[in-house]
Amino acid sequence: MHPIPDGALADDSPYKPQKDIDILVFPTFLSLGTCLEAGIATGAQCGHPEPHGAYTGDVSMAMIRKAGCTHVLCGHSERRLFHGENDENVAAQATAALEAGLHPIICIGESAEERDAGEAELVVTRQLAPLPLGKDITIAYEPVWAIGTGNTATPELAQEMHALIRSLLPTGRRETIRILYGGSMKPENARELLMKPDIDGGLVGGASLKPDAFRGIIAAVRSL
């Protein structure tokens, strides 16, 4: 729930399309049109699984697609925490997104309490189970305990979980579904994380609000 960062719409903006690097932004609904008009590849932060109806405050996947978006986040950790989204609802969102012609980026990941209880793998396995894994989707692993806490997962730990996620995908989809890391990626750790074989990109949080920091992550990507 942030405004568009200063300079994000400039000609030299790091958020604009670049050769050989896929860049997407996920602003609030009020800023979708502004970003699209600026030539930025844009997705929505969430969408309702029903196509229409008495759901005050919600926006359908079809509406998001009609607005010009190509992607949508499903089940972001903050949506799960603050809006009560559960595994079945997130799966319904992803299916609705696909039916509307959107590419869903589906977020999964464990909390600090779940990791401390030794349940991290169980949680991730449970969250994956109802998803349309045979379709054209992207998975984003969010270690909730590492978001905004200063407790960034080590590249080795992140790789371990990404490898588990990939092993749980259908055999024919393991090499084609991207798995993004969403645990406080920043310029200082981006290259080391992205060098890992099962980390295919980043779902960038706080650093995405700072053009210079985001430009640093782009530079790390390009160095690979």
Foldseek 3Di string as FASTA:
>chain_A
DDDQAPPCLDPPFPQADDPPDDHEDADAPVCQLVCVVSRGQYEHAFAFLDCDDDDPPGHHLLRRVVSPHAEYEFDDVCCCVPVVDDLVRSQSRCVSNVVNRHAYAYEFFDEPVCVVVVNGLVRRLVSPVSHPLVDRYEYEYEHVNQAPPVPADDLVVVLVVLVSNLVSGPPVCSVPHAYAYERADWLVCLLVNCVRPRHPYYPHDPLVSPRVGSVSNVVSVVVD
